[in-house]
Amino acid sequence: MDAQGGLAERVAALRKRLEELAPLTPQPDEAARLLHLQQQLQQLRQNNFLLETRQTALADPDLSALTESPTAARSEPPTRLACKTRELLLKGKQILDALKSLNSDLATIPVDDDANLACDYQETVQLVEIALRSVQTFPAATPEQLRLCSGLELCLDLAYQRLEALRVSLHEHRSSHEKLNALEHYFAELIHGRHLLLKPFADLAEQIVLETQGEQPLRWFTAPVEEPARWSAAHALNTARVMVRIVRLDPQWRNEVVSAVLAALLHDVGMAAMPAELIGSTRPFSDEDRRQIEAHVGIGAEICRRLAPQETWLAEAVLAHHERLDGTGYPAGLRGHHIPRLARLLAVCDVYAALVRSRPQRPALPPRAALAETLVEAEKGRLDSELASHLLGISFYPVGSLVELSDGRIASIVAVPCHAPDLAAAMRPVVRILLNALGQPVPLPSYVNLARCDGLHIVRGLTEDEARRALRVRTWNA
């Protein structure tokens, strides 16, 4: 009995010691503490979810209001998030953060330059928000969450593609405006008599040549007439972009593309010296007004002589770019081949680039009407008809423009004939179908070469407003 009693005492002592180290049942105060910790953990999960999905720091007040909507506040996230769900939430947050960083860049883009950018930005933000808010409806079971994650991932992948497209578009706009700002600065310096080297202009010409190696859309610069240096720089860049597309078709200048684009950049520098009220005048010019405007070619030629004394061809081309084959031009009334070939090429580019942008005296013409008007000037004997025909390489409908086809479908121009032999060929480019005849987006990309489609042709080009509405219902990849 003594041995058994001693063993019982030792077992009881060991049990007591084990319970002290790890109680089999929680004590009242310990249970309360565990419950409190569980509540804190749940709250931390909810806070983490809100931090990951609600980006109230976005600059657009309407978007901030969306993220703080009462409906979103009442929704509850699942108590447990699968690793894949958390991974996608983090990806969505990163996309929203990237969109937020683009917002300041977007604010610097003039609305007239690309009205679709702001729309694309808003739609992309909303797409990400809707995708992330859908997590609030996910069930707690991990298998069900993983099934829904496949759809969430598709939405976020699409949003990321749109984010990258926005980045590219903003980069292109930023690069374009850097060129415009630089050329405006150079023009202002030259007009004030400051000495510059030719190299910055040659570098800019090379950049323009490089950016148009492929079939890129022909986009136009705009500037207010109240700022003569910027206004003339914008027109110079537009003319240079036309020049680089047609000079390769000219047998004499096709091997001097950079030089021809350089001449286009400088051809109207003298306009930067004109009074803003004269450039922006809507009344008929008096003889004195006309003499003052015509003086810009002499001012420009003198600037080119100072800028590049050895490059006499440059000053000659700038001086003669308003001469006309029938002798009605200025300043010397030269005729026919007495006008340098580069000046005749500049005249064609200058007229076309001027017609596609609005002026105080008239609205802008659509590319088709601008091309037709330029060709009419050539038929009248004022412009060189051979050089004017090079504009058919740009086509009546430049790459990137939207058109309506004869069967009612809406398409974008993706390629034009490089050596269009006649007007009919120039009007039959390769197009990509965007909307069907009912105005609905096509499910898959569809390309049509109109030159090989009998009975199908372009009816008209869409106006800017019509193009924006069409792009609003497009598929993103279109």
Protein backbone atom coordinates (compact mmCIF):
# COMPACT_ATOMS: atom_id res chain seq x y z
CA MET A 1 0.00 0.00 0.00
CA ASP A 2 2.84 2.32 0.85
CA ALA A 3 4.43 1.71 -2.56
CA GLN A 4 1.07 2.19 -4.35
CA GLY A 5 0.32 5.31 -2.33
CA GLY A 6 3.67 6.78 -3.21
CA LEU A 7 3.15 6.07 -6.91
CA ALA A 8 -0.32 7.67 -6.83
CA GLU A 9 1.13 10.75 -5.21
CA ARG A 10 3.84 10.98 -7.87
CA VAL A 11 1.29 10.55 -10.71
CA ALA A 12 -0.94 13.24 -9.18
CA ALA A 13 2.04 15.58 -8.84
CA LEU A 14 3.07 14.96 -12.48
CA ARG A 15 -0.47 15.61 -13.73
CA LYS A 16 -0.62 18.84 -11.78
CA ARG A 17 2.71 19.91 -13.23
CA LEU A 18 1.56 19.15 -16.81
CA GLU A 19 -1.66 21.11 -16.32
CA GLU A 20 0.34 24.08 -15.08
CA LEU A 21 2.52 23.93 -18.20
CA ALA A 22 -0.35 23.33 -20.70
CA PRO A 23 -3.90 23.39 -19.28
CA LEU A 24 -6.24 20.88 -20.85
CA THR A 25 -9.10 23.44 -20.75
CA PRO A 26 -8.75 27.21 -20.91
CA GLN A 27 -9.31 29.16 -17.76
CA PRO A 28 -12.04 31.82 -17.87
CA ASP A 29 -9.62 34.75 -18.31
CA GLU A 30 -7.55 32.78 -20.89
CA ALA A 31 -10.66 32.00 -22.97
CA ALA A 32 -11.59 35.68 -23.01
CA ARG A 33 -8.10 36.58 -24.16
CA LEU A 34 -8.23 34.02 -26.99
CA LEU A 35 -11.64 35.32 -28.12
CA HIS A 36 -10.26 38.87 -28.13
CA LEU A 37 -7.30 37.77 -30.26
CA GLN A 38 -9.61 36.06 -32.73
CA GLN A 39 -11.69 39.22 -33.05
CA GLN A 40 -8.55 41.28 -33.63
CA LEU A 41 -7.40 38.82 -36.31
CA GLN A 42 -10.75 39.10 -38.09
CA GLN A 43 -10.56 42.89 -37.98
CA LEU A 44 -7.02 42.83 -39.34
CA ARG A 45 -8.19 40.64 -42.24
CA GLN A 46 -10.93 43.10 -43.10
CA ASN A 47 -8.59 46.08 -42.85
CA ASN A 48 -6.06 44.32 -45.05
CA PHE A 49 -8.74 43.67 -47.65
CA LEU A 50 -9.85 47.30 -47.67
CA LEU A 51 -6.28 48.54 -47.94
CA GLU A 52 -5.67 46.30 -50.92
CA THR A 53 -8.85 47.08 -52.85
CA ARG A 54 -9.89 50.66 -52.11
CA GLN A 55 -7.67 53.25 -53.79
CA THR A 56 -9.24 56.48 -52.57
CA ALA A 57 -6.04 58.36 -53.35
CA LEU A 58 -6.83 58.40 -57.07
CA ALA A 59 -7.01 62.01 -58.21
CA ASP A 60 -10.36 61.83 -60.01
CA PRO A 61 -13.06 62.76 -57.47
CA ASP A 62 -15.70 60.69 -59.24
CA LEU A 63 -13.56 57.59 -58.96
CA SER A 64 -12.93 58.29 -55.29
CA ALA A 65 -16.65 58.50 -54.74
CA LEU A 66 -17.05 55.12 -56.38
CA THR A 67 -14.55 53.52 -54.04
CA GLU A 68 -16.42 54.91 -51.04
CA SER A 69 -19.91 53.92 -52.12
CA PRO A 70 -22.30 52.72 -49.37
CA THR A 71 -22.81 49.43 -51.21
CA ALA A 72 -19.11 48.64 -51.06
CA ALA A 73 -18.99 49.54 -47.36
CA ARG A 74 -21.77 47.09 -46.51
CA SER A 75 -20.12 44.19 -48.36
CA GLU A 76 -18.08 41.76 -46.33
CA PRO A 77 -14.98 39.98 -47.64
CA PRO A 78 -14.64 36.24 -47.11
CA THR A 79 -13.19 35.39 -43.70
CA ARG A 80 -10.35 33.43 -45.31
CA LEU A 81 -8.61 34.39 -48.56
CA ALA A 82 -6.84 31.75 -50.62
CA CYS A 83 -3.23 32.45 -51.58
CA LYS A 84 -4.27 32.88 -55.23
CA THR A 85 -6.95 35.38 -54.24
CA ARG A 86 -4.43 37.41 -52.22
CA GLU A 87 -2.00 37.28 -55.12
CA LEU A 88 -4.61 38.68 -57.51
CA LEU A 89 -5.66 41.37 -55.03
CA LEU A 90 -2.04 42.48 -54.84
CA LYS A 91 -1.82 42.51 -58.64
CA GLY A 92 -4.97 44.64 -58.84
CA LYS A 93 -3.58 47.06 -56.27
CA GLN A 94 -0.37 47.38 -58.28
CA ILE A 95 -2.36 48.15 -61.44
CA LEU A 96 -4.37 50.82 -59.62
CA ASP A 97 -1.18 52.32 -58.21
CA ALA A 98 0.27 52.44 -61.73
CA LEU A 99 -2.90 54.09 -63.04
CA LYS A 100 -2.68 56.64 -60.28
CA SER A 101 0.88 57.51 -61.36
CA LEU A 102 -0.33 57.97 -64.96
CA ASN A 103 -3.06 60.39 -63.89
CA SER A 104 -0.68 63.35 -63.56
CA ASP A 105 0.78 62.62 -67.01
CA LEU A 106 -2.69 62.40 -68.49
CA ALA A 107 -3.55 65.83 -67.10
CA THR A 108 -0.78 67.39 -69.21
CA ILE A 109 -2.22 66.12 -72.51
CA PRO A 110 -4.43 68.66 -74.31
CA VAL A 111 -7.93 67.28 -74.79
CA ASP A 112 -7.87 67.97 -78.52
CA ASP A 113 -4.80 65.78 -79.02
CA ASP A 114 -6.44 62.47 -78.18
CA ALA A 115 -9.85 62.57 -76.54
CA ASN A 116 -9.90 58.77 -76.30
CA LEU A 117 -7.03 58.66 -73.80
CA ALA A 118 -9.07 60.05 -70.91
CA CYS A 119 -11.94 57.68 -71.74
CA ASP A 120 -9.58 54.69 -71.87
CA TYR A 121 -8.08 55.69 -68.54
CA GLN A 122 -11.47 55.94 -66.80
CA GLU A 123 -12.67 52.63 -68.23
CA THR A 124 -9.48 50.85 -67.13
CA VAL A 125 -9.78 52.15 -63.56
CA GLN A 126 -13.41 51.09 -63.41
CA LEU A 127 -12.56 47.64 -64.79
CA VAL A 128 -10.00 47.06 -62.03
CA GLU A 129 -12.35 48.35 -59.33
CA ILE A 130 -15.18 46.08 -60.41
CA ALA A 131 -12.82 43.10 -60.56
CA LEU A 132 -11.48 43.74 -57.06
CA ARG A 133 -14.89 44.39 -55.54
CA SER A 134 -16.05 41.04 -56.85
CA VAL A 135 -13.78 39.44 -54.21
CA GLN A 136 -16.22 40.68 -51.58
CA THR A 137 -18.72 38.14 -52.93
CA PHE A 138 -16.28 35.20 -52.93
CA PRO A 139 -17.30 32.23 -50.78
CA ALA A 140 -15.09 31.21 -47.88
CA ALA A 141 -14.32 27.76 -49.32
CA THR A 142 -10.92 27.71 -51.01
CA PRO A 143 -11.96 25.52 -54.00
CA GLU A 144 -14.79 27.91 -54.84
CA GLN A 145 -12.46 30.90 -54.51
CA LEU A 146 -9.95 29.29 -56.88
CA ARG A 147 -12.68 28.67 -59.45
CA LEU A 148 -13.69 32.35 -59.36
CA CYS A 149 -10.05 33.46 -59.42
CA SER A 150 -9.75 32.33 -63.04
CA GLY A 151 -12.31 34.96 -64.08
CA LEU A 152 -10.73 37.57 -61.83
CA GLU A 153 -7.34 36.89 -63.39
CA LEU A 154 -8.72 37.34 -66.91
CA CYS A 155 -10.17 40.75 -65.94
CA LEU A 156 -6.89 41.87 -64.40
CA ASP A 157 -4.90 40.64 -67.42
CA LEU A 158 -7.13 42.73 -69.68
CA ALA A 159 -6.69 45.72 -67.37
CA TYR A 160 -2.93 45.27 -67.47
CA GLN A 161 -2.97 45.21 -71.29
CA ARG A 162 -4.94 48.44 -71.29
CA LEU A 163 -2.52 49.93 -68.77
CA GLU A 164 0.43 49.10 -71.04
CA ALA A 165 -1.39 50.58 -74.05
CA LEU A 166 -2.01 53.76 -72.06
CA ARG A 167 1.67 53.92 -71.16
CA VAL A 168 2.67 53.63 -74.83
CA SER A 169 0.16 56.28 -75.91
CA LEU A 170 1.26 58.67 -73.19
CA HIS A 171 4.90 58.09 -74.12
CA GLU A 172 4.12 58.92 -77.75
CA HIS A 173 2.27 62.08 -76.73
CA ARG A 174 5.06 63.10 -74.38
CA SER A 175 7.66 62.54 -77.09
CA SER A 176 5.63 64.52 -79.63
CA HIS A 177 5.19 67.45 -77.29
CA GLU A 178 8.86 67.42 -76.42
CA LYS A 179 9.57 67.87 -80.14
CA LEU A 180 7.03 70.68 -80.37
CA ASN A 181 8.41 72.42 -77.27
CA ALA A 182 11.97 72.11 -78.56
CA LEU A 183 11.16 73.46 -82.02
CA GLU A 184 9.13 76.33 -80.54
CA HIS A 185 12.13 77.24 -78.35
CA TYR A 186 14.53 77.08 -81.31
CA PHE A 187 12.25 79.27 -83.44
CA ALA A 188 11.94 81.86 -80.69
CA GLU A 189 15.72 81.94 -80.24
CA LEU A 190 16.31 82.37 -83.98
CA ILE A 191 13.70 85.12 -84.32
CA HIS A 192 15.42 87.05 -81.51
CA GLY A 193 18.72 86.82 -83.38
CA ARG A 194 20.44 84.34 -81.10
CA HIS A 195 23.03 82.03 -82.63
CA LEU A 196 22.17 78.35 -82.91
CA LEU A 197 23.79 75.41 -84.61
CA LEU A 198 22.12 73.35 -87.31
CA LYS A 199 22.66 70.10 -85.37
CA PRO A 200 19.57 70.30 -83.07
CA PHE A 201 17.35 70.67 -86.15
CA ALA A 202 19.15 67.81 -87.93
CA ASP A 203 18.72 65.62 -84.84
CA LEU A 204 15.02 66.42 -84.75
CA ALA A 205 14.71 65.56 -88.45
CA GLU A 206 16.39 62.19 -87.83
CA GLN A 207 13.95 61.46 -84.99
CA ILE A 208 11.00 62.15 -87.28
CA VAL A 209 12.45 59.85 -89.93
CA LEU A 210 12.95 57.07 -87.38
CA GLU A 211 9.48 57.35 -85.88
CA THR A 212 7.85 56.87 -89.29
CA GLN A 213 9.74 53.74 -90.36
CA GLY A 214 6.53 51.70 -90.11
CA GLU A 215 2.93 52.39 -91.05
CA GLN A 216 2.28 54.70 -88.13
CA PRO A 217 -0.88 56.87 -88.01
CA LEU A 218 -0.36 60.41 -89.25
CA ARG A 219 -1.17 62.56 -86.21
CA TRP A 220 -1.30 66.33 -86.36
CA PHE A 221 0.04 68.97 -84.00
CA THR A 222 -2.13 71.89 -82.95
CA ALA A 223 -1.19 75.24 -81.41
CA PRO A 224 -2.95 78.56 -80.77
CA VAL A 225 -2.39 81.38 -83.25
CA GLU A 226 -1.84 83.68 -80.27
CA GLU A 227 1.61 82.08 -79.93
CA PRO A 228 3.32 82.58 -83.32
CA ALA A 229 6.48 80.60 -82.47
CA ARG A 230 4.46 77.57 -81.29
CA TRP A 231 1.93 77.90 -84.11
CA SER A 232 4.65 77.94 -86.79
CA ALA A 233 6.51 75.08 -85.03
CA ALA A 234 3.33 72.95 -85.06
CA HIS A 235 2.82 73.57 -88.78
CA ALA A 236 6.50 72.83 -89.46
CA LEU A 237 6.25 69.47 -87.68
CA ASN A 238 3.05 68.59 -89.56
CA THR A 239 4.75 69.45 -92.86
CA ALA A 240 7.80 67.38 -91.90
CA ARG A 241 5.58 64.38 -91.14
CA VAL A 242 4.02 64.66 -94.59
CA MET A 243 7.44 65.13 -96.21
CA VAL A 244 8.94 61.99 -94.67
CA ARG A 245 6.07 59.93 -96.11
CA ILE A 246 6.31 61.15 -99.70
CA VAL A 247 9.97 62.06 -100.22
CA ARG A 248 10.92 58.37 -100.52
CA LEU A 249 8.87 58.29 -103.74
CA ASP A 250 10.92 61.09 -105.32
CA PRO A 251 13.87 59.85 -107.40
CA GLN A 252 15.96 62.97 -106.68
CA TRP A 253 15.49 63.23 -102.92
CA ARG A 254 14.77 59.65 -101.84
CA ASN A 255 18.40 59.26 -100.73
CA GLU A 256 18.36 62.61 -98.87
CA VAL A 257 15.36 62.02 -96.65
CA VAL A 258 16.82 63.70 -93.55
CA SER A 259 17.79 66.80 -95.56
CA ALA A 260 14.28 67.07 -97.04
CA VAL A 261 12.69 66.70 -93.57
CA LEU A 262 15.14 69.31 -92.22
CA ALA A 263 13.96 71.75 -94.90
CA ALA A 264 10.34 71.03 -93.92
CA LEU A 265 11.14 71.80 -90.28
CA LEU A 266 12.63 75.19 -91.19
CA HIS A 267 10.47 76.19 -94.17
CA ASP A 268 8.07 78.35 -92.14
CA VAL A 269 10.37 79.65 -89.40
CA GLY A 270 9.76 83.19 -90.66
CA MET A 271 6.11 82.94 -89.60
CA ALA A 272 7.28 82.96 -85.99
CA ALA A 273 8.19 86.63 -86.55
CA MET A 274 4.67 87.57 -87.69
CA PRO A 275 2.30 89.42 -85.30
CA ALA A 276 -0.25 87.13 -83.65
CA GLU A 277 -3.13 89.44 -84.60
CA LEU A 278 -2.14 89.14 -88.28
CA ILE A 279 -1.90 85.32 -88.19
CA GLY A 280 -5.23 85.09 -86.40
CA SER A 281 -7.06 87.67 -88.49
CA THR A 282 -10.37 86.55 -90.00
CA ARG A 283 -10.89 89.66 -92.16
CA PRO A 284 -9.70 89.81 -95.78
CA PHE A 285 -6.05 90.81 -96.01
CA SER A 286 -5.23 94.29 -97.21
CA ASP A 287 -2.30 94.82 -99.58
CA GLU A 288 -0.17 95.83 -96.58
CA ASP A 289 -1.19 92.71 -94.66
CA ARG A 290 -0.32 90.53 -97.65
CA ARG A 291 3.08 92.16 -98.07
CA GLN A 292 3.82 91.61 -94.38
CA ILE A 293 2.81 87.94 -94.53
CA GLU A 294 4.76 87.33 -97.72
CA ALA A 295 7.87 88.73 -96.05
CA HIS A 296 8.07 85.59 -93.89
CA VAL A 297 9.83 83.62 -96.66
CA GLY A 298 12.64 86.19 -96.83
CA ILE A 299 12.97 86.21 -93.05
CA GLY A 300 13.11 82.42 -93.00
CA ALA A 301 15.71 82.28 -95.78
CA GLU A 302 17.92 84.78 -93.96
CA ILE A 303 17.66 82.76 -90.75
CA CYS A 304 18.73 79.63 -92.66
CA ARG A 305 21.73 81.49 -94.12
CA ARG A 306 22.81 82.45 -90.60
CA LEU A 307 22.10 78.97 -89.30
CA ALA A 308 23.92 77.08 -92.08
CA PRO A 309 26.00 79.39 -94.31
CA GLN A 310 27.39 76.48 -96.31
CA GLU A 311 24.00 74.87 -97.03
CA THR A 312 22.78 77.25 -99.74
CA TRP A 313 20.19 74.73 -100.96
CA LEU A 314 18.36 75.07 -97.65
CA ALA A 315 17.89 78.84 -97.85
CA GLU A 316 16.89 78.56 -101.53
CA ALA A 317 14.18 76.00 -100.77
CA VAL A 318 12.80 78.02 -97.84
CA LEU A 319 12.73 81.21 -99.92
CA ALA A 320 10.89 79.56 -102.85
CA HIS A 321 8.36 77.28 -101.12
CA HIS A 322 5.51 79.72 -101.94
CA GLU A 323 6.45 80.02 -105.60
CA ARG A 324 3.97 78.45 -108.03
CA LEU A 325 4.55 76.79 -111.37
CA ASP A 326 2.24 79.23 -113.19
CA GLY A 327 4.15 82.25 -111.83
CA THR A 328 1.44 83.39 -109.39
CA GLY A 329 3.53 82.67 -106.27
CA TYR A 330 5.93 84.82 -104.29
CA PRO A 331 8.44 86.38 -103.66
CA ALA A 332 9.90 86.35 -107.19
CA GLY A 333 7.06 84.93 -109.33
CA LEU A 334 9.26 82.08 -110.58
CA ARG A 335 7.81 79.62 -113.08
CA GLY A 336 8.16 75.91 -113.77
CA HIS A 337 11.57 74.38 -113.32
CA HIS A 338 13.09 77.70 -112.30
CA ILE A 339 11.70 76.76 -108.90
CA PRO A 340 14.07 74.35 -107.07
CA ARG A 341 12.68 70.81 -106.94
CA LEU A 342 12.89 70.71 -103.14
CA ALA A 343 10.87 73.95 -102.97
CA ARG A 344 8.21 72.38 -105.20
CA LEU A 345 8.14 69.33 -102.93
CA LEU A 346 7.86 71.62 -99.88
CA ALA A 347 4.97 73.47 -101.54
CA VAL A 348 2.96 70.24 -101.92
CA CYS A 349 3.59 69.20 -98.29
CA ASP A 350 2.91 72.74 -97.00
CA VAL A 351 -0.45 73.02 -98.77
CA TYR A 352 -1.67 69.59 -97.65
CA ALA A 353 -0.51 70.06 -94.03
CA ALA A 354 -2.19 73.48 -93.89
CA LEU A 355 -5.52 72.18 -95.22
CA VAL A 356 -5.91 69.37 -92.65
CA ARG A 357 -5.66 71.79 -89.72
CA SER A 358 -8.09 74.59 -88.92
CA ARG A 359 -7.13 78.17 -89.55
CA PRO A 360 -8.84 81.32 -88.27
CA GLN A 361 -10.28 81.85 -91.77
CA ARG A 362 -11.62 78.31 -92.26
CA PRO A 363 -12.21 74.95 -90.57
CA ALA A 364 -9.95 71.94 -91.07
CA LEU A 365 -10.62 69.68 -94.04
CA PRO A 366 -10.84 65.89 -93.72
CA PRO A 367 -7.78 64.11 -95.19
CA ARG A 368 -9.76 63.06 -98.28
CA ALA A 369 -10.87 66.63 -99.03
CA ALA A 370 -7.40 68.02 -98.27
CA LEU A 371 -5.78 65.55 -100.68
CA ALA A 372 -8.36 66.28 -103.36
CA GLU A 373 -7.87 70.03 -102.95
CA THR A 374 -4.09 69.67 -103.26
CA LEU A 375 -4.45 67.57 -106.40
CA VAL A 376 -6.82 70.17 -107.87
CA GLU A 377 -4.16 72.83 -107.29
CA ALA A 378 -1.76 70.63 -109.25
CA GLU A 379 -4.29 70.20 -112.08
CA LYS A 380 -4.63 73.99 -112.29
CA GLY A 381 -0.89 74.19 -112.88
CA ARG A 382 0.04 75.82 -109.59
CA LEU A 383 1.70 72.81 -107.93
CA ASP A 384 3.92 70.17 -109.47
CA SER A 385 1.50 67.38 -110.52
CA GLU A 386 4.19 64.68 -110.38
CA LEU A 387 5.15 65.59 -106.83
CA ALA A 388 1.53 66.10 -105.76
CA SER A 389 0.74 62.55 -106.93
CA HIS A 390 3.15 61.29 -104.25
CA LEU A 391 0.45 62.25 -101.73
CA LEU A 392 -1.51 59.23 -102.98
CA GLY A 393 0.99 57.21 -100.93
CA ILE A 394 -0.62 58.78 -97.86
CA SER A 395 -4.00 57.95 -99.37
CA PHE A 396 -7.34 59.69 -99.08
CA TYR A 397 -7.63 57.92 -95.74
CA PRO A 398 -4.34 57.88 -93.76
CA VAL A 399 -3.40 54.94 -91.55
CA GLY A 400 -5.31 55.07 -88.28
CA SER A 401 -8.37 56.91 -89.59
CA LEU A 402 -11.83 55.36 -89.27
CA VAL A 403 -14.14 54.84 -92.25
CA GLU A 404 -17.58 53.50 -93.11
CA LEU A 405 -17.72 50.75 -95.73
CA SER A 406 -20.43 50.29 -98.33
CA ASP A 407 -21.97 47.41 -96.35
CA GLY A 408 -22.35 49.59 -93.23
CA ARG A 409 -19.39 48.22 -91.27
CA ILE A 410 -16.91 50.51 -89.52
CA ALA A 411 -13.20 49.89 -90.08
CA SER A 412 -9.81 51.44 -89.38
CA ILE A 413 -7.15 51.93 -92.05
CA VAL A 414 -4.14 49.71 -91.35
CA ALA A 415 -2.16 49.94 -94.63
CA VAL A 416 -2.28 52.01 -97.81
CA PRO A 417 -0.71 51.38 -101.23
CA CYS A 418 2.90 52.63 -101.21
CA HIS A 419 2.89 53.29 -104.96
CA ALA A 420 -0.72 53.98 -105.81
CA PRO A 421 -0.89 54.25 -109.62
CA ASP A 422 -4.18 56.15 -109.65
CA LEU A 423 -6.92 57.60 -107.50
CA ALA A 424 -8.93 54.37 -107.50
CA ALA A 425 -6.00 52.40 -106.04
CA ALA A 426 -5.42 55.04 -103.36
CA MET A 427 -9.03 54.63 -102.22
CA ARG A 428 -8.75 50.85 -101.71
CA PRO A 429 -6.46 50.33 -98.69
CA VAL A 430 -6.27 47.43 -96.25
CA VAL A 431 -8.72 47.87 -93.37
CA ARG A 432 -9.47 46.20 -90.05
CA ILE A 433 -13.14 45.70 -89.24
CA LEU A 434 -14.10 47.18 -85.87
CA LEU A 435 -17.93 47.20 -85.85
CA ASN A 436 -20.47 45.23 -87.84
CA ALA A 437 -23.32 46.85 -89.76
CA LEU A 438 -25.39 47.02 -86.55
CA GLY A 439 -22.68 48.98 -84.77
CA GLN A 440 -21.62 46.03 -82.61
CA PRO A 441 -17.96 45.09 -82.00
CA VAL A 442 -16.70 42.13 -83.99
CA PRO A 443 -15.68 39.15 -81.81
CA LEU A 444 -12.36 38.54 -83.62
CA PRO A 445 -10.02 40.76 -85.67
CA SER A 446 -10.93 40.76 -89.36
CA TYR A 447 -8.76 42.29 -92.11
CA VAL A 448 -9.97 43.18 -95.59
CA ASN A 449 -7.90 44.25 -98.59
CA LEU A 450 -10.34 46.46 -100.48
CA ALA A 451 -8.22 46.25 -103.63
CA ARG A 452 -9.26 42.59 -103.87
CA CYS A 453 -12.91 42.97 -102.92
CA ASP A 454 -15.26 43.75 -105.78
CA GLY A 455 -18.33 45.65 -104.69
CA LEU A 456 -16.93 46.68 -101.29
CA HIS A 457 -15.55 50.19 -100.95
CA ILE A 458 -15.21 53.12 -98.58
CA VAL A 459 -18.25 55.36 -98.41
CA ARG A 460 -16.80 58.10 -96.23
CA GLY A 461 -14.43 58.91 -93.43
CA LEU A 462 -15.85 59.29 -89.93
CA THR A 463 -15.77 62.68 -88.25
CA GLU A 464 -13.84 63.03 -84.99
CA ASP A 465 -17.04 62.79 -82.92
CA GLU A 466 -18.24 59.72 -84.83
CA ALA A 467 -14.82 58.08 -84.44
CA ARG A 468 -14.90 58.65 -80.67
CA ARG A 469 -18.36 57.10 -80.40
CA ALA A 470 -17.27 54.12 -82.51
CA LEU A 471 -14.20 53.58 -80.38
CA ARG A 472 -16.33 53.67 -77.24
CA VAL A 473 -17.99 50.38 -78.25
CA ARG A 474 -14.97 48.73 -79.84
CA THR A 475 -13.27 45.63 -78.59
CA TRP A 476 -10.04 46.64 -76.86
CA ASN A 477 -7.78 44.77 -79.28
CA ALA A 478 -9.35 46.62 -82.18
